Amino acid sequence: MTIVITGASRGIGATLAAQYKDAGEEVIGTARGAEAEAVLDVTDPASHAAFANQLKDRPLDLLICNAGVYLDKGMIRKPASVPISGRRVSRPM
């Protein structure tokens, strides 16, 4: 079985990749950084195309979409007023 796991550089993705490899499966682990078996930034369409070209006509049996996406990284959040127990308090959204 050929398995692609996004976000396989650490955490759950790395653990899943190791377990499937230990079970004798072919695993292609992806991540954004150069340490990845296959480089893939799930937020970048050009990266999608490059990864698809790497795979060529190779059939996949399982895709595990594990990559985390933090789209507002670095943005300033505006506080929101949220009702709690009949009164309003401010907290970040």
N, C-alpha and C. Protein backbone atom coordinates (compact mmCIF):
# COMPACT_ATOMS: atom_id res chain seq x y z
N MET A 1 0.86 -1.17 0.00
CA MET A 1 0.00 0.00 0.00
C MET A 1 0.90 1.24 0.00
N THR A 2 0.56 2.24 -0.79
CA THR A 2 1.29 3.50 -0.84
C THR A 2 0.46 4.57 -0.13
N ILE A 3 1.08 5.22 0.86
CA ILE A 3 0.39 6.17 1.71
C ILE A 3 1.11 7.52 1.67
N VAL A 4 0.36 8.60 1.49
CA VAL A 4 0.89 9.96 1.60
C VAL A 4 0.35 10.54 2.90
N ILE A 5 1.26 11.09 3.71
CA ILE A 5 0.87 11.74 4.95
C ILE A 5 1.39 13.17 4.92
N THR A 6 0.47 14.15 4.92
CA THR A 6 0.90 15.55 4.98
C THR A 6 1.20 15.89 6.43
N GLY A 7 2.12 16.82 6.63
CA GLY A 7 2.49 17.21 7.98
C GLY A 7 3.19 16.09 8.72
N ALA A 8 4.08 15.37 8.03
CA ALA A 8 4.71 14.18 8.61
C ALA A 8 6.05 14.46 9.28
N SER A 9 6.41 15.72 9.45
CA SER A 9 7.73 16.02 10.02
C SER A 9 7.78 15.91 11.54
N ARG A 10 6.61 15.95 12.18
CA ARG A 10 6.60 15.84 13.65
C ARG A 10 5.20 15.47 14.13
N GLY A 11 5.09 15.22 15.41
CA GLY A 11 3.80 14.97 16.04
C GLY A 11 3.08 13.75 15.48
N ILE A 12 1.77 13.89 15.35
CA ILE A 12 0.93 12.78 14.89
C ILE A 12 1.36 12.28 13.52
N GLY A 13 1.67 13.20 12.61
CA GLY A 13 2.08 12.79 11.26
C GLY A 13 3.34 11.94 11.27
N ALA A 14 4.34 12.34 12.05
CA ALA A 14 5.58 11.57 12.14
C ALA A 14 5.33 10.21 12.77
N THR A 15 4.47 10.17 13.78
CA THR A 15 4.15 8.90 14.44
C THR A 15 3.41 7.96 13.49
N LEU A 16 2.44 8.48 12.77
CA LEU A 16 1.72 7.66 11.79
C LEU A 16 2.67 7.13 10.72
N ALA A 17 3.54 7.99 10.22
CA ALA A 17 4.49 7.58 9.18
C ALA A 17 5.37 6.45 9.70
N ALA A 18 5.88 6.58 10.91
CA ALA A 18 6.74 5.55 11.49
C ALA A 18 5.98 4.24 11.67
N GLN A 19 4.75 4.31 12.14
CA GLN A 19 3.97 3.09 12.36
C GLN A 19 3.65 2.37 11.05
N TYR A 20 3.26 3.14 10.03
CA TYR A 20 2.98 2.50 8.74
C TYR A 20 4.25 1.92 8.13
N LYS A 21 5.38 2.62 8.25
CA LYS A 21 6.64 2.09 7.73
C LYS A 21 7.03 0.81 8.46
N ASP A 22 6.87 0.81 9.79
CA ASP A 22 7.17 -0.39 10.58
C ASP A 22 6.29 -1.57 10.17
N ALA A 23 5.08 -1.27 9.67
CA ALA A 23 4.17 -2.32 9.23
C ALA A 23 4.46 -2.76 7.79
N GLY A 24 5.50 -2.17 7.19
CA GLY A 24 5.91 -2.57 5.85
C GLY A 24 5.26 -1.81 4.71
N GLU A 25 4.55 -0.74 5.03
CA GLU A 25 3.88 0.05 3.99
C GLU A 25 4.85 1.07 3.40
N GLU A 26 4.59 1.46 2.16
CA GLU A 26 5.37 2.53 1.53
C GLU A 26 4.74 3.86 1.93
N VAL A 27 5.50 4.71 2.59
CA VAL A 27 4.99 5.97 3.10
C VAL A 27 5.76 7.13 2.46
N ILE A 28 5.01 8.11 1.98
CA ILE A 28 5.60 9.35 1.50
C ILE A 28 5.16 10.43 2.48
N GLY A 29 6.07 10.85 3.32
CA GLY A 29 5.76 11.88 4.32
C GLY A 29 6.10 13.25 3.76
N THR A 30 5.16 14.18 3.89
CA THR A 30 5.38 15.53 3.37
C THR A 30 5.43 16.55 4.50
N ALA A 31 6.13 17.64 4.23
CA ALA A 31 6.19 18.80 5.12
C ALA A 31 6.73 19.97 4.31
N ARG A 32 6.70 21.16 4.89
CA ARG A 32 7.18 22.34 4.17
C ARG A 32 8.68 22.42 4.08
N GLY A 33 9.37 21.92 5.08
CA GLY A 33 10.81 22.10 5.17
C GLY A 33 11.61 21.08 4.38
N ALA A 34 12.88 21.38 4.23
CA ALA A 34 13.79 20.52 3.47
C ALA A 34 14.02 19.18 4.14
N GLU A 35 13.70 19.05 5.44
CA GLU A 35 13.89 17.79 6.15
C GLU A 35 12.86 16.74 5.75
N ALA A 36 11.86 17.15 4.99
CA ALA A 36 10.76 16.25 4.61
C ALA A 36 11.22 15.29 3.52
N GLU A 37 10.61 14.13 3.54
CA GLU A 37 10.84 13.16 2.47
C GLU A 37 10.39 13.75 1.14
N ALA A 38 9.26 14.45 1.16
CA ALA A 38 8.74 15.15 -0.01
C ALA A 38 8.26 16.52 0.45
N VAL A 39 8.72 17.57 -0.19
CA VAL A 39 8.34 18.93 0.21
C VAL A 39 6.96 19.25 -0.35
N LEU A 40 6.08 19.70 0.55
CA LEU A 40 4.73 20.09 0.16
C LEU A 40 4.21 21.12 1.15
N ASP A 41 3.91 22.30 0.64
CA ASP A 41 3.25 23.35 1.43
C ASP A 41 1.78 23.33 1.02
N VAL A 42 0.92 22.88 1.90
CA VAL A 42 -0.49 22.70 1.54
C VAL A 42 -1.21 24.01 1.26
N THR A 43 -0.59 25.15 1.58
CA THR A 43 -1.21 26.45 1.31
C THR A 43 -0.74 27.05 -0.01
N ASP A 44 0.13 26.35 -0.75
CA ASP A 44 0.74 26.91 -1.95
C ASP A 44 0.41 26.06 -3.18
N PRO A 45 -0.42 26.57 -4.09
CA PRO A 45 -0.78 25.80 -5.28
C PRO A 45 0.41 25.36 -6.13
N ALA A 46 1.46 26.17 -6.18
CA ALA A 46 2.65 25.78 -6.95
C ALA A 46 3.31 24.55 -6.32
N SER A 47 3.27 24.48 -4.99
CA SER A 47 3.81 23.32 -4.28
C SER A 47 2.97 22.08 -4.55
N HIS A 48 1.65 22.25 -4.67
CA HIS A 48 0.76 21.14 -5.01
C HIS A 48 1.16 20.55 -6.36
N ALA A 49 1.36 21.43 -7.34
CA ALA A 49 1.70 21.00 -8.70
C ALA A 49 3.05 20.28 -8.71
N ALA A 50 4.03 20.83 -7.99
CA ALA A 50 5.36 20.21 -7.95
C ALA A 50 5.28 18.82 -7.32
N PHE A 51 4.50 18.68 -6.26
CA PHE A 51 4.36 17.38 -5.60
C PHE A 51 3.65 16.39 -6.52
N ALA A 52 2.61 16.85 -7.21
CA ALA A 52 1.89 15.97 -8.15
C ALA A 52 2.84 15.51 -9.26
N ASN A 53 3.71 16.39 -9.73
CA ASN A 53 4.68 16.01 -10.76
C ASN A 53 5.67 14.97 -10.23
N GLN A 54 6.03 15.08 -8.95
CA GLN A 54 6.91 14.09 -8.32
C GLN A 54 6.26 12.71 -8.32
N LEU A 55 4.96 12.69 -8.04
CA LEU A 55 4.25 11.41 -7.96
C LEU A 55 4.03 10.79 -9.35
N LYS A 56 3.96 11.64 -10.37
CA LYS A 56 3.69 11.23 -11.74
C LYS A 56 2.45 10.35 -11.80
N ASP A 57 2.57 9.14 -12.30
CA ASP A 57 1.41 8.24 -12.42
C ASP A 57 1.36 7.21 -11.30
N ARG A 58 2.08 7.46 -10.24
CA ARG A 58 2.14 6.52 -9.11
C ARG A 58 0.78 6.48 -8.40
N PRO A 59 0.16 5.33 -8.31
CA PRO A 59 -1.13 5.25 -7.62
C PRO A 59 -0.96 5.35 -6.10
N LEU A 60 -1.91 6.01 -5.46
CA LEU A 60 -1.92 6.14 -4.01
C LEU A 60 -3.11 5.37 -3.46
N ASP A 61 -2.88 4.72 -2.34
CA ASP A 61 -3.95 3.96 -1.70
C ASP A 61 -4.61 4.72 -0.56
N LEU A 62 -3.82 5.60 0.08
CA LEU A 62 -4.35 6.32 1.24
C LEU A 62 -3.69 7.68 1.34
N LEU A 63 -4.49 8.71 1.57
CA LEU A 63 -4.00 10.06 1.82
C LEU A 63 -4.46 10.48 3.20
N ILE A 64 -3.50 10.80 4.06
CA ILE A 64 -3.83 11.28 5.40
C ILE A 64 -3.49 12.77 5.44
N CYS A 65 -4.53 13.60 5.49
CA CYS A 65 -4.35 15.06 5.49
C CYS A 65 -4.17 15.52 6.93
N ASN A 66 -2.92 15.62 7.34
CA ASN A 66 -2.60 15.93 8.72
C ASN A 66 -1.95 17.30 8.89
N ALA A 67 -1.59 17.96 7.80
CA ALA A 67 -0.86 19.22 7.89
C ALA A 67 -1.72 20.29 8.57
N GLY A 68 -1.10 20.99 9.48
CA GLY A 68 -1.78 22.11 10.14
C GLY A 68 -1.61 23.38 9.32
N VAL A 69 -2.63 24.20 9.31
CA VAL A 69 -2.58 25.46 8.57
C VAL A 69 -2.95 26.59 9.52
N TYR A 70 -2.08 27.56 9.61
CA TYR A 70 -2.32 28.72 10.48
C TYR A 70 -2.29 29.95 9.58
N LEU A 71 -3.44 30.26 8.99
CA LEU A 71 -3.50 31.30 7.96
C LEU A 71 -3.31 32.71 8.49
N ASP A 72 -3.65 32.99 9.74
CA ASP A 72 -3.54 34.36 10.24
C ASP A 72 -2.26 34.58 11.05
N LYS A 73 -1.26 33.77 10.84
CA LYS A 73 0.00 33.90 11.57
C LYS A 73 0.57 35.30 11.35
N GLY A 74 0.88 35.95 12.43
CA GLY A 74 1.48 37.27 12.35
C GLY A 74 0.48 38.41 12.27
N MET A 75 -0.80 38.11 12.15
CA MET A 75 -1.80 39.17 12.05
C MET A 75 -2.23 39.61 13.45
N ILE A 76 -2.58 40.84 13.57
CA ILE A 76 -3.05 41.37 14.85
C ILE A 76 -4.53 41.05 14.97
N ARG A 77 -4.92 40.47 16.08
CA ARG A 77 -6.32 40.13 16.31
C ARG A 77 -7.02 41.25 17.04
N LYS A 78 -8.24 41.51 16.63
CA LYS A 78 -9.05 42.52 17.30
C LYS A 78 -9.87 41.83 18.39
N PRO A 79 -9.95 42.42 19.58
CA PRO A 79 -10.76 41.81 20.63
C PRO A 79 -12.24 41.83 20.26
N ALA A 80 -12.94 40.82 20.70
CA ALA A 80 -14.38 40.75 20.47
C ALA A 80 -15.08 40.78 21.81
N SER A 81 -16.26 41.33 21.80
CA SER A 81 -17.06 41.36 23.01
C SER A 81 -17.96 40.13 23.00
N VAL A 82 -17.84 39.31 24.04
CA VAL A 82 -18.56 38.04 24.09
C VAL A 82 -19.43 37.99 25.35
N PRO A 83 -20.72 37.64 25.20
CA PRO A 83 -21.55 37.55 26.40
C PRO A 83 -21.21 36.31 27.23
N ILE A 84 -20.99 36.52 28.51
CA ILE A 84 -20.74 35.41 29.44
C ILE A 84 -21.59 35.67 30.68
N SER A 85 -22.46 34.75 30.99
CA SER A 85 -23.32 34.84 32.19
C SER A 85 -24.07 36.16 32.27
N GLY A 86 -24.63 36.60 31.14
CA GLY A 86 -25.43 37.80 31.16
C GLY A 86 -24.66 39.11 31.11
N ARG A 87 -23.33 39.06 31.10
CA ARG A 87 -22.54 40.30 30.98
C ARG A 87 -21.57 40.13 29.83
N ARG A 88 -21.06 41.23 29.35
CA ARG A 88 -20.15 41.18 28.20
C ARG A 88 -18.72 41.37 28.68
N VAL A 89 -17.86 40.52 28.16
CA VAL A 89 -16.43 40.64 28.45
C VAL A 89 -15.68 40.61 27.11
N SER A 90 -14.52 41.22 27.09
CA SER A 90 -13.74 41.24 25.87
C SER A 90 -12.68 40.15 25.93
N ARG A 91 -12.48 39.50 24.80
CA ARG A 91 -11.42 38.50 24.66
C ARG A 91 -11.01 38.46 23.20
N PRO A 92 -9.80 38.01 22.90
CA PRO A 92 -9.40 37.89 21.49
C PRO A 92 -10.25 36.87 20.77
N MET A 93 -10.50 37.09 19.51
CA MET A 93 -11.28 36.14 18.70
C MET A 93 -10.40 34.99 18.30
